[in-house]
Amino acid sequence: MNKKMRRKDRQMSEADTIKVLKSAQYGTLSMLDTENKPYGIPISFVYENGMIYLHCATAGTKLDNIAHDNNVCFSTVTDVVTIQEKFSTRFKSAIIFGKAELVNSIEEKRTALIAILNKYCHDFYEPGLEYIEKSLAQTNILRIQINDITGKEHK
């Protein structure tokens, strides 16, 4: 994408943007559907090894859309505070442009699922590992290869 951010004074460093990606609980995956119409879904995710990983089923609209056009935008926001008296909001956000693709490697799928387990269910790590091994063959993982990343903060 590489468009210039209008409010440069709010642009975060890449390191701070990655902190947002690591701490955010959910994001929005945006893509074109098979009729070239916008399609966006809120989704859980993990940032791992410089990529975004998403857990998904083995069939569905998301996969149909990715097969049609794998260019995606992924965004997330953290630290949101409404400042009513100033009619404003504090936040930190990250926007990514990249290409989504299915992970075919069993080891990379396992690594991504363990990262998701650590993020969302760390108190159930051992049972989670068992669940991963039982469901690995019936689970898809999407990987977003990041082409462009920007972060914005309003203090």
Protein backbone atom coordinates (compact mmCIF):
# COMPACT_ATOMS: atom_id res chain seq x y z
CA MET A 1 0.00 0.00 0.00
CA ASN A 2 2.68 2.45 1.11
CA LYS A 3 0.36 5.46 1.36
CA LYS A 4 1.72 8.26 3.50
CA MET A 5 0.08 8.66 6.88
CA ARG A 6 -1.68 12.01 7.07
CA ARG A 7 -1.00 12.51 10.80
CA LYS A 8 2.74 11.76 10.95
CA ASP A 9 2.76 13.07 14.52
CA ARG A 10 0.74 10.00 15.52
CA GLN A 11 2.77 7.40 13.62
CA MET A 12 4.32 4.72 15.82
CA SER A 13 7.61 2.97 15.20
CA GLU A 14 7.50 -0.53 13.77
CA ALA A 15 8.65 -1.90 17.14
CA ASP A 16 5.74 -0.20 18.93
CA THR A 17 3.34 -1.36 16.22
CA ILE A 18 4.48 -4.94 16.78
CA LYS A 19 3.78 -4.49 20.51
CA VAL A 20 0.20 -3.62 19.55
CA LEU A 21 -0.01 -6.77 17.43
CA LYS A 22 1.32 -8.88 20.28
CA SER A 23 -1.07 -7.43 22.87
CA ALA A 24 -4.30 -7.07 20.87
CA GLN A 25 -6.91 -9.74 21.53
CA TYR A 26 -8.75 -9.51 18.21
CA GLY A 27 -8.42 -7.95 14.80
CA THR A 28 -10.38 -7.47 11.60
CA LEU A 29 -9.44 -9.35 8.47
CA SER A 30 -10.56 -7.53 5.33
CA MET A 31 -10.52 -8.95 1.83
CA LEU A 32 -12.47 -9.08 -1.40
CA ASP A 33 -15.12 -11.75 -1.75
CA THR A 34 -15.60 -13.85 -4.87
CA GLU A 35 -17.75 -11.07 -6.38
CA ASN A 36 -15.07 -8.44 -5.64
CA LYS A 37 -17.12 -6.91 -2.85
CA PRO A 38 -15.53 -5.91 0.49
CA TYR A 39 -15.68 -8.56 3.20
CA GLY A 40 -14.38 -8.05 6.72
CA ILE A 41 -14.54 -10.31 9.76
CA PRO A 42 -13.48 -9.89 13.38
CA ILE A 43 -11.12 -12.72 14.27
CA SER A 44 -8.70 -13.97 16.91
CA PHE A 45 -5.07 -14.11 15.80
CA VAL A 46 -1.49 -14.36 16.88
CA TYR A 47 1.59 -12.45 15.73
CA GLU A 48 4.46 -14.92 15.56
CA ASN A 49 7.78 -14.94 13.70
CA GLY A 50 6.96 -11.75 11.82
CA MET A 51 3.62 -13.02 10.52
CA ILE A 52 -0.04 -13.07 11.47
CA TYR A 53 -1.58 -16.52 11.98
CA LEU A 54 -5.31 -17.20 11.95
CA HIS A 55 -7.08 -20.43 12.87
CA CYS A 56 -9.88 -21.50 10.55
CA ALA A 57 -11.98 -24.43 9.41
CA THR A 58 -11.23 -26.48 6.32
CA ALA A 59 -13.98 -24.80 4.27
CA GLY A 60 -15.89 -21.53 4.28
CA THR A 61 -16.26 -18.02 2.93
CA LYS A 62 -12.90 -16.82 4.24
CA LEU A 63 -11.06 -19.59 2.37
CA ASP A 64 -13.13 -19.05 -0.78
CA ASN A 65 -12.21 -15.36 -0.70
CA ILE A 66 -8.50 -16.05 -0.16
CA ALA A 67 -8.51 -18.51 -3.07
CA HIS A 68 -10.12 -15.78 -5.22
CA ASP A 69 -7.72 -12.99 -4.17
CA ASN A 70 -5.18 -13.43 -1.39
CA ASN A 71 -4.48 -9.70 -0.90
CA VAL A 72 -5.70 -8.78 2.57
CA CYS A 73 -5.74 -5.98 5.09
CA PHE A 74 -5.61 -6.77 8.79
CA SER A 75 -6.19 -4.18 11.49
CA THR A 76 -6.38 -4.10 15.26
CA VAL A 77 -6.65 -1.54 18.04
CA THR A 78 -5.67 -1.51 21.72
CA ASP A 79 -5.68 0.84 24.69
CA VAL A 80 -8.93 2.50 23.64
CA VAL A 81 -10.12 5.24 26.00
CA THR A 82 -12.96 7.61 25.16
CA ILE A 83 -12.35 11.19 26.24
CA GLN A 84 -15.90 12.48 26.28
CA GLU A 85 -15.18 16.07 27.26
CA LYS A 86 -12.80 16.41 24.28
CA PHE A 87 -14.98 14.42 21.88
CA SER A 88 -11.97 12.26 21.17
CA THR A 89 -10.46 8.84 21.73
CA ARG A 90 -7.03 7.62 22.81
CA PHE A 91 -5.84 4.45 21.07
CA LYS A 92 -3.02 2.47 19.53
CA SER A 93 -3.65 0.73 16.23
CA ALA A 94 -1.90 -1.41 13.66
CA ILE A 95 -2.73 -1.91 10.01
CA ILE A 96 -1.14 -4.57 7.87
CA PHE A 97 -1.30 -5.21 4.16
CA GLY A 98 -0.16 -8.57 2.92
CA LYS A 99 -0.94 -11.86 1.29
CA ALA A 100 -2.83 -14.63 3.05
CA GLU A 101 -2.07 -18.25 2.33
CA LEU A 102 -2.81 -21.63 3.81
CA VAL A 103 -0.04 -23.17 5.87
CA ASN A 104 0.73 -26.62 4.49
CA SER A 105 3.57 -27.63 6.80
CA ILE A 106 2.36 -29.69 9.77
CA GLU A 107 5.17 -28.26 11.89
CA GLU A 108 4.30 -24.66 11.06
CA LYS A 109 0.60 -25.39 11.73
CA ARG A 110 1.54 -26.90 15.09
CA THR A 111 3.78 -23.92 15.94
CA ALA A 112 0.99 -21.47 15.06
CA LEU A 113 -1.59 -23.40 17.07
CA ILE A 114 0.71 -23.54 20.09
CA ALA A 115 1.22 -19.77 19.82
CA ILE A 116 -2.58 -19.33 19.71
CA LEU A 117 -2.90 -21.68 22.69
CA ASN A 118 -0.35 -19.64 24.66
CA LYS A 119 -2.14 -16.40 23.85
CA TYR A 120 -5.73 -17.42 24.57
CA CYS A 121 -5.66 -20.55 26.76
CA HIS A 122 -2.29 -20.58 28.57
CA ASP A 123 -3.91 -21.88 31.76
CA PHE A 124 -4.90 -25.04 29.86
CA TYR A 125 -1.60 -25.63 28.07
CA GLU A 126 -1.31 -29.41 28.52
CA PRO A 127 -4.92 -30.22 27.54
CA GLY A 128 -4.51 -27.71 24.72
CA LEU A 129 -1.51 -29.59 23.33
CA GLU A 130 -3.56 -32.79 23.33
CA TYR A 131 -6.41 -31.00 21.56
CA ILE A 132 -4.01 -29.63 18.94
CA GLU A 133 -2.65 -33.09 18.17
CA LYS A 134 -6.17 -34.57 17.85
CA SER A 135 -7.48 -31.79 15.62
CA LEU A 136 -4.38 -30.92 13.57
CA ALA A 137 -5.57 -32.73 10.42
CA GLN A 138 -9.00 -31.04 10.51
CA THR A 139 -7.65 -27.55 11.17
CA ASN A 140 -6.45 -24.93 8.73
CA ILE A 141 -4.09 -22.11 9.54
CA LEU A 142 -3.87 -18.98 7.44
CA ARG A 143 -0.60 -17.07 7.44
CA ILE A 144 -0.45 -13.42 6.45
CA GLN A 145 2.88 -12.50 4.94
CA ILE A 146 3.26 -8.85 5.87
CA ASN A 147 4.12 -6.51 3.00
CA ASP A 148 3.39 -3.22 4.75
CA ILE A 149 2.79 -2.35 8.40
CA THR A 150 1.85 0.93 10.03
CA GLY A 151 0.94 1.91 13.55
CA LYS A 152 -0.84 4.96 14.85
CA GLU A 153 -1.27 6.29 18.37
CA HIS A 154 -3.42 9.08 19.72
CA LYS A 155 -2.35 10.02 23.23
